[in-house]
Amino acid sequence: MKKSQDNPPLKVQNLSKFYGSLQAVNQVTFEVQPGEVFGLLGPNGAGKTSIISTIVTLEEPTQGKIEIFGHDVQKDPLTAKSYVGWVPQEVINHGFFNICEIIKFHSGYFGKSLSEEETNQLLKRLDLYNHRHKKVKQLSGGMKRRLMIAKALCHNPKILLLDEPTAGVDIDLRKSLWDFVKELRSQGVAILLTTHYLEEAENLCDRVGFLSHGRILRIGQTSEIVTDLTEKTIELILDRELPELKNSWVQSQKGNEIHLKVPMTKGVFEGVRLAGIDLSHIKDIRVKDGDLEDAFRRVMKEGQQ
């Protein structure tokens, strides 16, 4: 028990994975802490699913080490995986079993027998209770996605791996799933998330890692990455035309309209003043802060150079 308490829920060290001559993962290192959502973000083919596959031991790493609460997933896979709930990217079809049967079977894999009350509570939280006697083949795509999450949670895991959990689902379901993720985080569950929805990642993830061609290009606190790597856009309409401004923050100057790009570390009016504009001349102002998508695009572009 002490071993588990003294180690992070998930620790990936110098992980590399080859498929023949193709290197899918290249010296990747990161940790996920209790009550933290860590986002692994990258384009298709970046290596996200390969990393998750090695964590859940579907694949063997070519090099490196993965520990779950201090347990090596290669040397002690049963103990390590007992802590983990996994929602894969592809929906797994169980055909002729109903929801309750699937939850019963899956919890049994981990040596856990859920009571009827526990099962019903889990299904109610995921809006599956009224469908609990339906066979999987009768479920909609959104309900199948909810069922996969229920399966992942039926043994009360301390770590949850979410590989594109909202791919192809409608907006309402996406919001309810993210609310559920926040609830799990507040309970201390460590969550590793991959998603293409960067706006959601910015709202959910405490930290993110940008992945490209199997390498992590940038890793850090989400808010710090946005602040460090993006700019705020300031659109001004003045009460007069100004002489041409000689300032690198000025993106365009046309008549009495001026567009600035200012570091996120600067305040709006501070940026306007430093660009050489008297605040008293402002008739209208619009501001758009940089976001995680801006930071992501910048890092991906720099990574290609």
Foldseek 3Di string as FASTA:
>chain_A
DVLLVVDAQKWWAQFWADDVPATQAGGDTDTWHWLFEEEEEEDPSLNPVVVVCCQLPVDPTPDTFMAGSNHTCVVCVLVSCLQEFEQDPDQDAPFFAFLVVLLQVLLVVSVDGDDPVLLLVLCVLLVNNVRRRPHRVPDDPLVSLSSSVSSRPSSPHLEYEEEASCPPHDPVSVVSVLVVVNVSSVVGRTYYYYHPPQVSCLVRGQKYFYTGSNDTQDIDGQVVLLQVQAWKKKKFAFQFADDDFDDPQWPDGDTRITIGTGRSVDDPVRRCVVSPHDPVGTPDMDMDGGHSVSSNVVSVVVVVD
